[in-house]
């Protein structure tokens, strides 16, 4: 009797302890499942972003071409256009073909990488820049395809564009207005393009201010 009466109070305690353990295990399992799902989603996002970056990198580094790095370099033309429009800076668009089609393009790219230290920072920082390494003419953005068709599809070539994609022609000849060879010639072309883009921006702002002034005058009549 005494043994039975002394052990009976333990049953509720053991039941309560069992319930607590079960609840803890269930909560831990749910948390683990939630964390696993979140981790999996994060991992998928990382994989997607990584694959996109690798794909873009391989597109621009076909057969060993390095993708330039530094301020105002962009991965593709559309990205450069958007950035240029946002801060009203001009663009420098360098178009080459893959080495299998254009050995001169390989020499051009190699010289660009080799001579990076020769380019003044104030010029490099003045332009939103993008290298486009293409295998087919049809791969280029429509705007560039239309511009190429006006003077022939020769490579390599460099476009200097205003932030609203207007052509700044500073090439070495009228027949090949976007053909610029040699580091010193490129630097010289960048200086000319900077001067013209600065003048364009001054004129644009003056025109916008004149329009604003005339509109304000009409409203005050």
C-alpha atoms as a PDB file:
ATOM      1  CA  UNK A   1       0.000   0.000   0.000  1.00  0.00           C
ATOM      2  CA  UNK A   2       2.643   2.438   1.077  1.00  0.00           C
ATOM      3  CA  UNK A   3       4.742   1.581  -1.965  1.00  0.00           C
ATOM      4  CA  UNK A   4       1.761   2.042  -4.257  1.00  0.00           C
ATOM      5  CA  UNK A   5       0.679   5.329  -2.694  1.00  0.00           C
ATOM      6  CA  UNK A   6       4.204   6.785  -2.783  1.00  0.00           C
ATOM      7  CA  UNK A   7       4.754   5.988  -6.483  1.00  0.00           C
ATOM      8  CA  UNK A   8       1.398   7.241  -7.810  1.00  0.00           C
ATOM      9  CA  UNK A   9       2.264  10.999  -7.692  1.00  0.00           C
ATOM     10  CA  UNK A  10       5.130  10.354 -10.141  1.00  0.00           C
ATOM     11  CA  UNK A  11       2.791   9.452 -13.035  1.00  0.00           C
ATOM     12  CA  UNK A  12       1.501  12.991 -13.678  1.00  0.00           C
ATOM     13  CA  UNK A  13       5.037  14.315 -13.529  1.00  0.00           C
ATOM     14  CA  UNK A  14       6.308  11.693 -15.977  1.00  0.00           C
ATOM     15  CA  UNK A  15       3.390  12.421 -18.336  1.00  0.00           C
ATOM     16  CA  UNK A  16       4.063  16.151 -18.166  1.00  0.00           C
ATOM     17  CA  UNK A  17       7.750  15.572 -18.853  1.00  0.00           C
ATOM     18  CA  UNK A  18       6.891  13.359 -21.834  1.00  0.00           C
ATOM     19  CA  UNK A  19       4.581  16.041 -23.248  1.00  0.00           C
ATOM     20  CA  UNK A  20       7.275  18.699 -22.879  1.00  0.00           C
ATOM     21  CA  UNK A  21       9.837  16.494 -24.639  1.00  0.00           C
ATOM     22  CA  UNK A  22       7.406  15.784 -27.505  1.00  0.00           C
ATOM     23  CA  UNK A  23       6.618  19.503 -27.942  1.00  0.00           C
ATOM     24  CA  UNK A  24      10.332  20.400 -27.969  1.00  0.00           C
ATOM     25  CA  UNK A  25      11.053  17.712 -30.578  1.00  0.00           C
ATOM     26  CA  UNK A  26       8.147  18.842 -32.794  1.00  0.00           C
ATOM     27  CA  UNK A  27       9.139  22.522 -32.606  1.00  0.00           C
ATOM     28  CA  UNK A  28      12.758  21.658 -33.352  1.00  0.00           C
ATOM     29  CA  UNK A  29      11.678  19.571 -36.343  1.00  0.00           C
ATOM     30  CA  UNK A  30       9.471  22.340 -37.720  1.00  0.00           C
ATOM     31  CA  UNK A  31      12.255  24.882 -37.250  1.00  0.00           C
ATOM     32  CA  UNK A  32      14.684  22.574 -38.993  1.00  0.00           C
ATOM     33  CA  UNK A  33      12.307  22.077 -41.926  1.00  0.00           C
ATOM     34  CA  UNK A  34      11.720  25.830 -42.184  1.00  0.00           C
ATOM     35  CA  UNK A  35      15.449  26.541 -42.041  1.00  0.00           C
ATOM     36  CA  UNK A  36      16.129  23.835 -44.607  1.00  0.00           C
ATOM     37  CA  UNK A  37      13.545  25.300 -46.968  1.00  0.00           C
ATOM     38  CA  UNK A  38      14.969  28.790 -46.450  1.00  0.00           C
ATOM     39  CA  UNK A  39      18.517  27.532 -46.954  1.00  0.00           C
ATOM     40  CA  UNK A  40      17.492  25.687 -50.098  1.00  0.00           C
ATOM     41  CA  UNK A  41      15.799  28.792 -51.479  1.00  0.00           C
ATOM     42  CA  UNK A  42      18.874  30.888 -50.659  1.00  0.00           C
ATOM     43  CA  UNK A  43      21.114  28.275 -52.262  1.00  0.00           C
ATOM     44  CA  UNK A  44      18.964  28.237 -55.416  1.00  0.00           C
ATOM     45  CA  UNK A  45      19.156  32.029 -55.616  1.00  0.00           C
ATOM     46  CA  UNK A  46      22.922  31.920 -55.187  1.00  0.00           C
ATOM     47  CA  UNK A  47      23.216  29.231 -57.841  1.00  0.00           C
ATOM     48  CA  UNK A  48      21.080  31.264 -60.238  1.00  0.00           C
ATOM     49  CA  UNK A  49      23.095  34.421 -59.671  1.00  0.00           C
ATOM     50  CA  UNK A  50      26.374  32.528 -59.994  1.00  0.00           C
ATOM     51  CA  UNK A  51      25.312  30.823 -63.210  1.00  0.00           C
ATOM     52  CA  UNK A  52      24.212  34.167 -64.650  1.00  0.00           C
ATOM     53  CA  UNK A  53      27.559  35.758 -63.741  1.00  0.00           C
ATOM     54  CA  UNK A  54      29.525  32.823 -65.130  1.00  0.00           C
ATOM     55  CA  UNK A  55      27.493  32.831 -68.353  1.00  0.00           C
ATOM     56  CA  UNK A  56      28.050  36.571 -68.798  1.00  0.00           C
ATOM     57  CA  UNK A  57      31.750  36.159 -67.967  1.00  0.00           C
ATOM     58  CA  UNK A  58      32.207  33.351 -70.489  1.00  0.00           C
ATOM     59  CA  UNK A  59      30.354  35.356 -73.131  1.00  0.00           C
ATOM     60  CA  UNK A  60      32.790  38.230 -72.719  1.00  0.00           C
ATOM     61  CA  UNK A  61      35.915  36.101 -72.183  1.00  0.00           C
ATOM     62  CA  UNK A  62      35.472  33.725 -75.103  1.00  0.00           C
ATOM     63  CA  UNK A  63      38.754  31.960 -75.879  1.00  0.00           C
ATOM     64  CA  UNK A  64      40.738  33.719 -73.195  1.00  0.00           C
ATOM     65  CA  UNK A  65      39.705  37.360 -73.523  1.00  0.00           C
ATOM     66  CA  UNK A  66      39.864  39.027 -70.091  1.00  0.00           C
ATOM     67  CA  UNK A  67      36.935  41.161 -69.030  1.00  0.00           C
ATOM     68  CA  UNK A  68      38.298  44.540 -67.866  1.00  0.00           C
ATOM     69  CA  UNK A  69      37.628  45.541 -64.285  1.00  0.00           C
ATOM     70  CA  UNK A  70      37.459  48.901 -62.557  1.00  0.00           C
ATOM     71  CA  UNK A  71      35.125  51.857 -62.104  1.00  0.00           C
ATOM     72  CA  UNK A  72      32.377  52.351 -64.680  1.00  0.00           C
ATOM     73  CA  UNK A  73      33.032  49.043 -66.477  1.00  0.00           C
ATOM     74  CA  UNK A  74      29.848  47.174 -67.337  1.00  0.00           C
ATOM     75  CA  UNK A  75      29.017  43.614 -68.276  1.00  0.00           C
ATOM     76  CA  UNK A  76      26.791  44.415 -71.236  1.00  0.00           C
ATOM     77  CA  UNK A  77      25.617  47.271 -73.440  1.00  0.00           C
ATOM     78  CA  UNK A  78      22.157  47.671 -71.897  1.00  0.00           C
ATOM     79  CA  UNK A  79      23.675  47.981 -68.425  1.00  0.00           C
ATOM     80  CA  UNK A  80      26.083  50.671 -69.663  1.00  0.00           C
ATOM     81  CA  UNK A  81      23.242  52.597 -71.351  1.00  0.00           C
ATOM     82  CA  UNK A  82      21.176  52.563 -68.165  1.00  0.00           C
ATOM     83  CA  UNK A  83      24.082  53.781 -66.030  1.00  0.00           C
ATOM     84  CA  UNK A  84      25.020  56.494 -68.548  1.00  0.00           C
ATOM     85  CA  UNK A  85      21.439  57.739 -68.696  1.00  0.00           C
ATOM     86  CA  UNK A  86      21.278  57.867 -64.895  1.00  0.00           C
ATOM     87  CA  UNK A  87      24.307  60.106 -64.376  1.00  0.00           C
ATOM     88  CA  UNK A  88      24.496  61.756 -67.830  1.00  0.00           C
ATOM     89  CA  UNK A  89      27.992  60.474 -68.589  1.00  0.00           C
ATOM     90  CA  UNK A  90      29.121  59.410 -72.086  1.00  0.00           C
ATOM     91  CA  UNK A  91      29.920  55.845 -73.082  1.00  0.00           C
ATOM     92  CA  UNK A  92      32.891  54.065 -74.596  1.00  0.00           C
ATOM     93  CA  UNK A  93      31.879  50.875 -76.403  1.00  0.00           C
ATOM     94  CA  UNK A  94      34.659  48.613 -77.680  1.00  0.00           C
ATOM     95  CA  UNK A  95      33.585  45.887 -80.111  1.00  0.00           C
ATOM     96  CA  UNK A  96      35.835  42.983 -81.065  1.00  0.00           C
ATOM     97  CA  UNK A  97      35.344  39.575 -82.657  1.00  0.00           C
ATOM     98  CA  UNK A  98      36.536  36.280 -81.217  1.00  0.00           C
ATOM     99  CA  UNK A  99      40.185  35.453 -82.051  1.00  0.00           C
ATOM    100  CA  UNK A 100      39.169  32.620 -84.380  1.00  0.00           C
ATOM    101  CA  UNK A 101      37.630  35.238 -86.658  1.00  0.00           C
ATOM    102  CA  UNK A 102      39.798  38.272 -85.947  1.00  0.00           C
ATOM    103  CA  UNK A 103      43.429  37.891 -84.909  1.00  0.00           C
ATOM    104  CA  UNK A 104      43.865  41.671 -84.939  1.00  0.00           C
ATOM    105  CA  UNK A 105      41.122  41.817 -82.298  1.00  0.00           C
ATOM    106  CA  UNK A 106      43.190  39.545 -80.053  1.00  0.00           C
ATOM    107  CA  UNK A 107      46.216  41.821 -80.437  1.00  0.00           C
ATOM    108  CA  UNK A 108      43.974  44.807 -79.721  1.00  0.00           C
ATOM    109  CA  UNK A 109      42.606  43.260 -76.523  1.00  0.00           C
ATOM    110  CA  UNK A 110      46.035  42.093 -75.386  1.00  0.00           C
ATOM    111  CA  UNK A 111      47.424  45.612 -75.892  1.00  0.00           C
ATOM    112  CA  UNK A 112      44.490  47.112 -73.998  1.00  0.00           C
ATOM    113  CA  UNK A 113      45.148  44.907 -70.968  1.00  0.00           C
ATOM    114  CA  UNK A 114      48.925  45.344 -71.182  1.00  0.00           C
ATOM    115  CA  UNK A 115      48.761  49.148 -71.405  1.00  0.00           C
ATOM    116  CA  UNK A 116      46.075  49.821 -68.784  1.00  0.00           C
ATOM    117  CA  UNK A 117      48.488  51.857 -66.665  1.00  0.00           C
ATOM    118  CA  UNK A 118      48.995  54.277 -69.563  1.00  0.00           C
ATOM    119  CA  UNK A 119      45.356  55.380 -69.584  1.00  0.00           C
ATOM    120  CA  UNK A 120      44.794  58.492 -67.427  1.00  0.00           C
ATOM    121  CA  UNK A 121      42.297  57.857 -64.643  1.00  0.00           C
ATOM    122  CA  UNK A 122      40.384  61.065 -65.357  1.00  0.00           C
ATOM    123  CA  UNK A 123      39.636  59.700 -68.840  1.00  0.00           C
ATOM    124  CA  UNK A 124      38.734  56.186 -67.700  1.00  0.00           C
ATOM    125  CA  UNK A 125      36.426  57.650 -65.043  1.00  0.00           C
ATOM    126  CA  UNK A 126      34.731  59.953 -67.542  1.00  0.00           C
ATOM    127  CA  UNK A 127      33.108  57.159 -69.588  1.00  0.00           C
ATOM    128  CA  UNK A 128      30.804  54.267 -68.854  1.00  0.00           C
ATOM    129  CA  UNK A 129      32.738  51.504 -70.595  1.00  0.00           C
ATOM    130  CA  UNK A 130      31.864  48.106 -72.030  1.00  0.00           C
ATOM    131  CA  UNK A 131      33.763  45.528 -74.077  1.00  0.00           C
ATOM    132  CA  UNK A 132      31.606  43.503 -76.450  1.00  0.00           C
ATOM    133  CA  UNK A 133      33.257  40.353 -77.744  1.00  0.00           C
ATOM    134  CA  UNK A 134      30.997  39.032 -80.474  1.00  0.00           C
ATOM    135  CA  UNK A 135      30.996  36.000 -82.741  1.00  0.00           C
ATOM    136  CA  UNK A 136      28.118  37.073 -84.962  1.00  0.00           C
ATOM    137  CA  UNK A 137      27.003  40.449 -86.236  1.00  0.00           C
ATOM    138  CA  UNK A 138      23.403  39.613 -85.280  1.00  0.00           C
ATOM    139  CA  UNK A 139      24.388  39.191 -81.623  1.00  0.00           C
ATOM    140  CA  UNK A 140      24.990  42.912 -81.219  1.00  0.00           C
ATOM    141  CA  UNK A 141      22.283  45.209 -79.787  1.00  0.00           C
ATOM    142  CA  UNK A 142      20.020  46.663 -82.491  1.00  0.00           C
ATOM    143  CA  UNK A 143      21.312  50.197 -81.936  1.00  0.00           C
ATOM    144  CA  UNK A 144      24.893  49.079 -82.587  1.00  0.00           C
ATOM    145  CA  UNK A 145      23.922  46.916 -85.562  1.00  0.00           C
ATOM    146  CA  UNK A 146      22.279  49.928 -87.175  1.00  0.00           C
ATOM    147  CA  UNK A 147      25.357  52.048 -86.538  1.00  0.00           C
ATOM    148  CA  UNK A 148      27.677  49.368 -87.910  1.00  0.00           C
ATOM    149  CA  UNK A 149      25.686  49.139 -91.121  1.00  0.00           C
ATOM    150  CA  UNK A 150      26.459  52.772 -91.987  1.00  0.00           C
ATOM    151  CA  UNK A 151      30.218  52.293 -92.430  1.00  0.00           C
ATOM    152  CA  UNK A 152      30.761  48.551 -92.626  1.00  0.00           C
ATOM    153  CA  UNK A 153      31.163  45.795 -90.089  1.00  0.00           C
ATOM    154  CA  UNK A 154      34.923  46.041 -89.477  1.00  0.00           C
ATOM    155  CA  UNK A 155      36.549  45.043 -86.200  1.00  0.00           C
ATOM    156  CA  UNK A 156      37.925  46.084 -83.806  1.00  0.00           C
ATOM    157  CA  UNK A 157      36.075  49.361 -83.477  1.00  0.00           C
ATOM    158  CA  UNK A 158      35.341  51.876 -80.728  1.00  0.00           C
ATOM    159  CA  UNK A 159      32.167  53.897 -80.290  1.00  0.00           C
ATOM    160  CA  UNK A 160      32.066  56.990 -78.151  1.00  0.00           C
ATOM    161  CA  UNK A 161      28.443  57.793 -77.413  1.00  0.00           C
ATOM    162  CA  UNK A 162      26.627  60.503 -75.519  1.00  0.00           C
ATOM    163  CA  UNK A 163      24.518  59.362 -72.582  1.00  0.00           C
ATOM    164  CA  UNK A 164      21.482  59.356 -74.910  1.00  0.00           C
ATOM    165  CA  UNK A 165      23.361  57.187 -77.452  1.00  0.00           C
ATOM    166  CA  UNK A 166      24.357  59.900 -79.894  1.00  0.00           C
ATOM    167  CA  UNK A 167      27.469  59.069 -81.926  1.00  0.00           C
ATOM    168  CA  UNK A 168      30.636  61.054 -81.129  1.00  0.00           C
ATOM    169  CA  UNK A 169      32.834  60.498 -84.189  1.00  0.00           C
ATOM    170  CA  UNK A 170      36.544  60.845 -83.386  1.00  0.00           C
ATOM    171  CA  UNK A 171      37.977  58.129 -85.659  1.00  0.00           C
ATOM    172  CA  UNK A 172      41.126  58.347 -87.729  1.00  0.00           C
ATOM    173  CA  UNK A 173      39.443  58.520 -91.159  1.00  0.00           C
ATOM    174  CA  UNK A 174      36.135  59.398 -92.784  1.00  0.00           C
ATOM    175  CA  UNK A 175      35.905  55.934 -94.365  1.00  0.00           C
ATOM    176  CA  UNK A 176      36.488  54.146 -91.048  1.00  0.00           C
ATOM    177  CA  UNK A 177      35.208  56.620 -88.451  1.00  0.00           C
ATOM    178  CA  UNK A 178      35.219  54.109 -85.580  1.00  0.00           C
ATOM    179  CA  UNK A 179      38.545  52.445 -86.288  1.00  0.00           C
ATOM    180  CA  UNK A 180      41.078  53.530 -83.657  1.00  0.00           C
ATOM    181  CA  UNK A 181      44.284  51.516 -83.360  1.00  0.00           C
ATOM    182  CA  UNK A 182      47.120  51.832 -80.874  1.00  0.00           C
ATOM    183  CA  UNK A 183      47.125  52.874 -77.235  1.00  0.00           C
ATOM    184  CA  UNK A 184      48.212  56.471 -77.872  1.00  0.00           C
ATOM    185  CA  UNK A 185      45.569  56.909 -80.591  1.00  0.00           C
ATOM    186  CA  UNK A 186      42.894  55.547 -78.270  1.00  0.00           C
ATOM    187  CA  UNK A 187      43.925  57.933 -75.492  1.00  0.00           C
ATOM    188  CA  UNK A 188      43.867  60.800 -77.977  1.00  0.00           C
ATOM    189  CA  UNK A 189      40.392  59.729 -79.140  1.00  0.00           C
ATOM    190  CA  UNK A 190      39.187  59.558 -75.526  1.00  0.00           C
ATOM    191  CA  UNK A 191      40.393  63.120 -74.948  1.00  0.00           C
ATOM    192  CA  UNK A 192      38.563  64.335 -78.058  1.00  0.00           C
ATOM    193  CA  UNK A 193      35.411  62.445 -77.102  1.00  0.00           C
ATOM    194  CA  UNK A 194      35.548  63.866 -73.567  1.00  0.00           C
ATOM    195  CA  UNK A 195      35.831  67.395 -74.954  1.00  0.00           C
ATOM    196  CA  UNK A 196      32.916  66.884 -77.335  1.00  0.00           C
ATOM    197  CA  UNK A 197      30.744  65.200 -74.721  1.00  0.00           C
ATOM    198  CA  UNK A 198      31.438  68.031 -72.251  1.00  0.00           C
ATOM    199  CA  UNK A 199      30.444  70.595 -74.892  1.00  0.00           C
ATOM    200  CA  UNK A 200      27.317  68.585 -75.694  1.00  0.00           C
ATOM    201  CA  UNK A 201      26.323  68.536 -72.044  1.00  0.00           C
ATOM    202  CA  UNK A 202      26.854  72.305 -71.685  1.00  0.00           C
ATOM    203  CA  UNK A 203      24.676  72.921 -74.745  1.00  0.00           C
ATOM    204  CA  UNK A 204      22.036  70.494 -73.499  1.00  0.00           C
ATOM    205  CA  UNK A 205      21.823  72.175 -70.109  1.00  0.00           C
ATOM    206  CA  UNK A 206      21.702  75.640 -71.688  1.00  0.00           C
ATOM    207  CA  UNK A 207      18.886  74.509 -73.984  1.00  0.00           C
ATOM    208  CA  UNK A 208      16.967  72.983 -71.075  1.00  0.00           C
ATOM    209  CA  UNK A 209      17.403  76.143 -69.028  1.00  0.00           C
ATOM    210  CA  UNK A 210      16.218  78.306 -71.939  1.00  0.00           C
ATOM    211  CA  UNK A 211      13.108  76.144 -72.301  1.00  0.00           C
ATOM    212  CA  UNK A 212      12.454  76.416 -68.573  1.00  0.00           C
ATOM    213  CA  UNK A 213      12.866  80.201 -68.669  1.00  0.00           C
ATOM    214  CA  UNK A 214      10.472  80.601 -71.612  1.00  0.00           C
ATOM    215  CA  UNK A 215       7.903  78.332 -69.980  1.00  0.00           C
ATOM    216  CA  UNK A 216       8.108  80.338 -66.758  1.00  0.00           C
ATOM    217  CA  UNK A 217       7.698  83.587 -68.726  1.00  0.00           C
ATOM    218  CA  UNK A 218       4.562  82.260 -70.456  1.00  0.00           C
ATOM    219  CA  UNK A 219       3.074  81.196 -67.141  1.00  0.00           C
ATOM    220  CA  UNK A 220       3.630  84.694 -65.674  1.00  0.00           C
ATOM    221  CA  UNK A 221       1.753  86.453 -68.471  1.00  0.00           C
END
